[in-house]
Amino acid sequence: MQVKVEEFIGESNQSWHDAVSSAVTEASKTLGNVTGVEVINFTARVENGKVVNYKADCKIASAK
């Protein structure tokens, strides 16, 4: 089996979980058969002392 790995950044205004899901959804549209995800880094934007945006840097694998 051949596996392709690409990096995606998912974003959400709700949670890091949703940010990862966003990256997987986008990868599924682009790559097709997604088989796994590795979260490399989590970051967030803060405004007025509150988190307003979550980002997840992910490596996503797909089978060819």
Foldseek 3Di string as FASTA:
>chain_A
DDKDKDKFKAKDQPDQVNRVVRRVVVCCVVPNAWDDKDWDDKDFDDDPRHTGMIMTIIIIMGDD
